[in-house]
């Protein structure tokens, strides 16, 4: 199994910060080409980083980067971003559908505007980006689609507290299920999800019960994604993978460095 993404081109949505950026930086250290496809091209009033600062970090890490301002809700913008990516790098080998919206609210507390936002980003955006990248992925030698989506589980416990959010994330999971079957033998399509809550700027903005000291760092997702994307077995597809399981299989036994505070108990993720 190859252990490098050198020379590969990764189109990563929502990669100006958080988990998306961690995945991008890990690939950049191999010398990969990263398309930073995100909305934030100017400093956000709360969240740190822009597509430009993230792209520079990836270049500094040893990769090549293209910063593209893109909203996954806009199929015209997606098509333009894909065209820019292929013009610069000659193709796309890997798509990472990371962009996501969250609202941990019950049915009565979820405004339809927020419902529409989650579905337009999580479900529609994932489908639209996959559709736009597929012609190029089908031409790549060892292509992957990786969705940041939870394992499918119809236990009502995962729906009751936040039905709308669960449906939207499971929509991303169903894209994995369907596309893995549709493109079997040609493109590996998998899902990756964290075992624990991950400490990101977006998490801190949410507030509530999530204390960063009880979380792991985004780097665990970057390393797990790297291990998945370095697997060139096209039959390794349709999998719903957890970050520490992936790394354990890859030979990692000590996860201490991934904890924000190793002395604190870890919070399990919402869907686990």
Protein backbone atom coordinates (compact mmCIF):
# COMPACT_ATOMS: atom_id res chain seq x y z
CA UNK A 1 0.00 0.00 0.00
CA UNK A 2 1.47 3.40 -0.93
CA UNK A 3 2.10 5.67 2.00
CA UNK A 4 2.17 8.97 0.18
CA UNK A 5 -0.19 11.27 -1.67
CA UNK A 6 2.66 13.02 -3.48
CA UNK A 7 1.50 14.39 -6.82
CA UNK A 8 -2.17 13.62 -6.12
CA UNK A 9 -4.74 16.39 -6.46
CA UNK A 10 -7.28 16.70 -3.65
CA UNK A 11 -10.41 18.83 -3.97
CA UNK A 12 -11.46 19.49 -0.35
CA UNK A 13 -14.58 21.42 0.58
CA UNK A 14 -14.59 23.46 3.77
CA UNK A 15 -10.81 23.23 4.04
CA UNK A 16 -10.00 26.74 5.25
CA UNK A 17 -10.17 25.55 8.87
CA UNK A 18 -10.91 22.63 11.17
CA UNK A 19 -11.01 19.03 10.04
CA UNK A 20 -10.90 19.90 6.35
CA UNK A 21 -7.71 21.88 6.83
CA UNK A 22 -6.16 19.10 8.92
CA UNK A 23 -6.81 16.61 6.10
CA UNK A 24 -5.35 19.07 3.59
CA UNK A 25 -2.24 19.79 5.63
CA UNK A 26 -1.49 16.09 6.09
CA UNK A 27 -1.70 15.56 2.34
CA UNK A 28 0.35 18.70 1.69
CA UNK A 29 3.21 17.30 3.77
CA UNK A 30 3.43 14.53 1.17
CA UNK A 31 3.69 17.07 -1.64
CA UNK A 32 0.07 16.79 -2.78
CA UNK A 33 -1.87 19.43 -4.71
CA UNK A 34 -4.70 20.87 -2.63
CA UNK A 35 -7.73 22.73 -3.90
CA UNK A 36 -8.96 24.77 -0.93
CA UNK A 37 -12.62 25.05 -1.94
CA UNK A 38 -14.36 27.09 0.75
CA UNK A 39 -16.52 30.16 1.23
CA UNK A 40 -14.25 32.26 3.43
CA UNK A 41 -12.06 34.47 1.28
CA UNK A 42 -12.05 37.34 3.78
CA UNK A 43 -11.54 37.15 7.57
CA UNK A 44 -14.64 35.88 9.39
CA UNK A 45 -15.98 37.86 12.33
CA UNK A 46 -15.68 34.82 14.63
CA UNK A 47 -13.90 31.92 12.92
CA UNK A 48 -10.17 32.12 12.11
CA UNK A 49 -8.58 31.62 8.70
CA UNK A 50 -9.43 32.15 5.05
CA UNK A 51 -8.87 30.13 1.88
CA UNK A 52 -5.76 32.24 1.29
CA UNK A 53 -4.16 31.75 4.72
CA UNK A 54 -4.96 28.03 4.59
CA UNK A 55 -3.47 27.67 1.11
CA UNK A 56 -0.28 29.36 2.28
CA UNK A 57 -0.03 26.95 5.22
CA UNK A 58 -0.31 24.05 2.78
CA UNK A 59 2.42 25.49 0.57
CA UNK A 60 4.60 26.02 3.64
CA UNK A 61 3.97 22.37 4.59
CA UNK A 62 5.44 21.23 1.28
CA UNK A 63 2.44 20.95 -1.01
CA UNK A 64 0.92 22.97 -3.81
CA UNK A 65 -2.34 24.81 -3.21
CA UNK A 66 -5.06 26.64 -5.09
CA UNK A 67 -7.44 28.85 -3.08
CA UNK A 68 -10.91 28.88 -4.66
CA UNK A 69 -13.80 30.80 -3.15
CA UNK A 70 -16.77 28.44 -3.50
CA UNK A 71 -20.18 27.88 -1.95
CA UNK A 72 -21.24 24.22 -2.17
CA UNK A 73 -24.85 25.40 -2.54
CA UNK A 74 -24.05 26.97 -5.92
CA UNK A 75 -23.55 24.43 -8.72
CA UNK A 76 -22.20 27.11 -11.07
CA UNK A 77 -19.52 28.02 -8.52
CA UNK A 78 -18.71 24.32 -8.09
CA UNK A 79 -18.29 23.86 -11.84
CA UNK A 80 -16.03 26.90 -12.03
CA UNK A 81 -13.93 25.66 -9.10
CA UNK A 82 -13.53 22.23 -10.70
CA UNK A 83 -12.49 23.87 -13.97
CA UNK A 84 -9.90 26.01 -12.18
CA UNK A 85 -8.58 22.93 -10.35
CA UNK A 86 -8.20 20.86 -13.50
CA UNK A 87 -6.67 23.74 -15.42
CA UNK A 88 -4.00 24.18 -12.75
CA UNK A 89 -3.31 20.58 -11.76
CA UNK A 90 -4.43 18.60 -14.79
CA UNK A 91 -7.11 16.56 -13.06
CA UNK A 92 -8.64 15.54 -9.73
CA UNK A 93 -7.70 12.32 -7.94
CA UNK A 94 -9.55 12.74 -4.65
CA UNK A 95 -12.68 14.55 -3.50
CA UNK A 96 -13.19 15.15 0.20
CA UNK A 97 -16.73 16.27 1.03
CA UNK A 98 -16.08 17.96 4.35
CA UNK A 99 -18.24 21.12 4.24
CA UNK A 100 -21.14 20.81 6.64
CA UNK A 101 -23.70 22.81 8.60
CA UNK A 102 -24.95 21.88 12.06
CA UNK A 103 -27.86 22.73 14.31
CA UNK A 104 -28.38 20.47 17.31
CA UNK A 105 -31.99 21.50 17.77
CA UNK A 106 -35.28 19.71 18.13
CA UNK A 107 -38.06 19.86 15.57
CA UNK A 108 -39.87 22.82 17.13
CA UNK A 109 -36.63 24.74 17.64
CA UNK A 110 -35.27 24.32 14.09
CA UNK A 111 -36.21 27.26 11.83
CA UNK A 112 -36.85 26.18 8.25
CA UNK A 113 -34.09 28.53 7.15
CA UNK A 114 -31.65 26.46 9.21
CA UNK A 115 -33.20 23.21 7.97
CA UNK A 116 -32.69 24.36 4.39
CA UNK A 117 -29.11 25.40 5.13
CA UNK A 118 -28.21 21.95 6.50
CA UNK A 119 -29.80 20.10 3.61
CA UNK A 120 -28.40 22.41 0.94
CA UNK A 121 -24.85 22.09 2.30
CA UNK A 122 -24.73 18.59 3.76
CA UNK A 123 -26.83 16.62 1.27
CA UNK A 124 -27.15 18.71 -1.88
CA UNK A 125 -23.62 20.11 -1.64
CA UNK A 126 -22.09 16.67 -1.23
CA UNK A 127 -24.06 15.30 -4.19
CA UNK A 128 -23.32 18.34 -6.36
CA UNK A 129 -19.56 18.32 -5.66
CA UNK A 130 -19.41 14.58 -6.30
CA UNK A 131 -21.31 14.96 -9.56
CA UNK A 132 -19.03 17.78 -10.75
CA UNK A 133 -15.81 15.94 -9.86
CA UNK A 134 -16.86 12.49 -11.11
CA UNK A 135 -15.86 12.94 -14.78
CA UNK A 136 -12.31 13.73 -13.63
CA UNK A 137 -12.24 11.08 -10.91
CA UNK A 138 -13.25 8.46 -13.47
CA UNK A 139 -10.16 9.38 -15.48
CA UNK A 140 -7.83 9.18 -12.46
CA UNK A 141 -5.76 6.06 -11.89
CA UNK A 142 -6.76 5.51 -8.24
CA UNK A 143 -9.63 7.81 -7.39
CA UNK A 144 -11.36 8.35 -4.07
CA UNK A 145 -14.36 10.15 -2.66
CA UNK A 146 -14.28 10.58 1.10
CA UNK A 147 -17.31 11.99 2.91
CA UNK A 148 -17.13 13.24 6.48
CA UNK A 149 -20.27 11.39 7.47
CA UNK A 150 -21.40 9.08 10.30
CA UNK A 151 -22.15 5.36 10.14
CA UNK A 152 -25.77 4.74 9.19
CA UNK A 153 -27.78 3.67 12.22
CA UNK A 154 -31.58 3.86 12.38
CA UNK A 155 -31.70 3.68 16.18
CA UNK A 156 -34.17 6.45 17.17
CA UNK A 157 -31.66 7.62 19.80
CA UNK A 158 -29.66 9.34 17.05
CA UNK A 159 -32.74 11.12 15.68
CA UNK A 160 -34.75 12.26 18.67
CA UNK A 161 -32.56 15.13 19.94
CA UNK A 162 -31.87 16.67 16.48
CA UNK A 163 -33.92 15.05 13.74
CA UNK A 164 -33.11 17.60 11.03
CA UNK A 165 -29.35 17.48 11.55
CA UNK A 166 -29.31 13.68 11.68
CA UNK A 167 -31.27 13.41 8.43
CA UNK A 168 -28.89 15.81 6.71
CA UNK A 169 -25.75 13.98 7.84
CA UNK A 170 -27.24 10.60 7.00
CA UNK A 171 -27.88 12.03 3.54
CA UNK A 172 -24.11 12.33 3.17
CA UNK A 173 -23.78 8.76 4.42
CA UNK A 174 -26.30 7.53 1.86
CA UNK A 175 -24.24 9.19 -0.87
CA UNK A 176 -21.42 6.86 0.20
CA UNK A 177 -23.70 3.83 0.13
CA UNK A 178 -25.08 4.61 -3.31
CA UNK A 179 -21.97 5.88 -5.08
CA UNK A 180 -19.80 3.06 -3.76
CA UNK A 181 -22.17 0.64 -5.47
CA UNK A 182 -22.64 2.74 -8.60
CA UNK A 183 -18.90 3.21 -9.21
CA UNK A 184 -17.66 -0.09 -7.78
CA UNK A 185 -14.27 -1.06 -9.15
CA UNK A 186 -13.69 2.42 -10.56
CA UNK A 187 -13.77 4.83 -7.60
CA UNK A 188 -13.39 4.07 -3.90
CA UNK A 189 -16.12 5.87 -1.94
CA UNK A 190 -15.95 5.84 1.85
CA UNK A 191 -17.08 7.72 4.96
CA UNK A 192 -14.91 8.85 7.85
CA UNK A 193 -16.20 9.90 11.26
CA UNK A 194 -14.52 10.72 14.59
CA UNK A 195 -14.80 8.47 17.64
CA UNK A 196 -14.82 11.54 19.87
CA UNK A 197 -15.86 15.14 19.54
CA UNK A 198 -13.15 17.09 17.71
CA UNK A 199 -11.98 20.47 19.01
CA UNK A 200 -12.49 22.98 16.21
CA UNK A 201 -13.25 26.68 16.06
CA UNK A 202 -16.77 25.82 14.87
CA UNK A 203 -17.26 23.66 17.97
CA UNK A 204 -16.20 26.52 20.22
CA UNK A 205 -18.64 28.80 18.42
CA UNK A 206 -21.45 26.33 19.14
CA UNK A 207 -20.82 26.52 22.88
CA UNK A 208 -23.07 24.28 24.93
CA UNK A 209 -21.82 21.04 26.50
CA UNK A 210 -18.66 20.66 24.40
CA UNK A 211 -15.55 21.55 26.34
CA UNK A 212 -12.41 21.40 24.14
CA UNK A 213 -10.44 19.77 26.95
CA UNK A 214 -12.65 16.68 26.53
CA UNK A 215 -11.98 16.48 22.79
CA UNK A 216 -9.37 15.28 20.36
CA UNK A 217 -7.49 17.51 17.91
CA UNK A 218 -8.40 17.68 14.20
CA UNK A 219 -5.05 16.07 13.38
CA UNK A 220 -6.44 12.61 14.18
CA UNK A 221 -8.90 13.02 11.33
CA UNK A 222 -6.12 14.26 9.04
CA UNK A 223 -4.00 11.19 9.77
CA UNK A 224 -6.96 8.80 9.45
CA UNK A 225 -8.02 10.34 6.13
CA UNK A 226 -4.43 10.01 4.90
CA UNK A 227 -4.40 6.30 5.74
CA UNK A 228 -7.68 5.76 3.88
CA UNK A 229 -6.65 7.75 0.82
CA UNK A 230 -3.31 5.94 0.57
CA UNK A 231 -5.14 2.62 0.18
CA UNK A 232 -5.18 1.86 -3.56
CA UNK A 233 -7.52 -1.13 -3.30
CA UNK A 234 -10.65 -0.07 -5.20
CA UNK A 235 -12.61 -2.77 -3.38
CA UNK A 236 -11.91 -0.85 -0.16
CA UNK A 237 -15.13 1.04 -0.72
CA UNK A 238 -18.54 1.55 0.84
CA UNK A 239 -16.93 1.59 4.28
CA UNK A 240 -18.08 3.64 7.27
CA UNK A 241 -14.84 4.17 9.15
CA UNK A 242 -13.96 5.63 12.54
CA UNK A 243 -10.75 7.62 12.89
CA UNK A 244 -9.05 5.62 15.65
CA UNK A 245 -10.07 2.27 14.12
CA UNK A 246 -8.38 3.30 10.86
CA UNK A 247 -5.22 4.36 12.67
CA UNK A 248 -5.19 1.27 14.87
CA UNK A 249 -5.29 -0.88 11.74
CA UNK A 250 -2.41 1.22 10.39
CA UNK A 251 -0.35 0.37 13.48
CA UNK A 252 -1.03 3.30 15.82
CA UNK A 253 -1.43 2.22 19.43
CA UNK A 254 -0.91 5.44 21.38
CA UNK A 255 -3.52 8.16 20.85
CA UNK A 256 -2.38 10.42 23.68
CA UNK A 257 -0.97 13.10 21.41
CA UNK A 258 -4.33 13.54 19.74
CA UNK A 259 -6.07 14.57 22.97
CA UNK A 260 -6.39 18.27 23.74
CA UNK A 261 -5.87 17.40 27.40
CA UNK A 262 -4.70 13.79 27.93
CA UNK A 263 -5.68 13.96 31.61
CA UNK A 264 -9.36 14.51 30.79
CA UNK A 265 -12.03 12.01 29.74
CA UNK A 266 -13.01 12.11 26.08
CA UNK A 267 -16.51 12.96 24.88
CA UNK A 268 -17.90 10.38 22.46
CA UNK A 269 -19.19 11.81 19.22
CA UNK A 270 -22.90 12.54 18.81
CA UNK A 271 -23.57 9.51 16.60
CA UNK A 272 -21.59 7.03 18.68
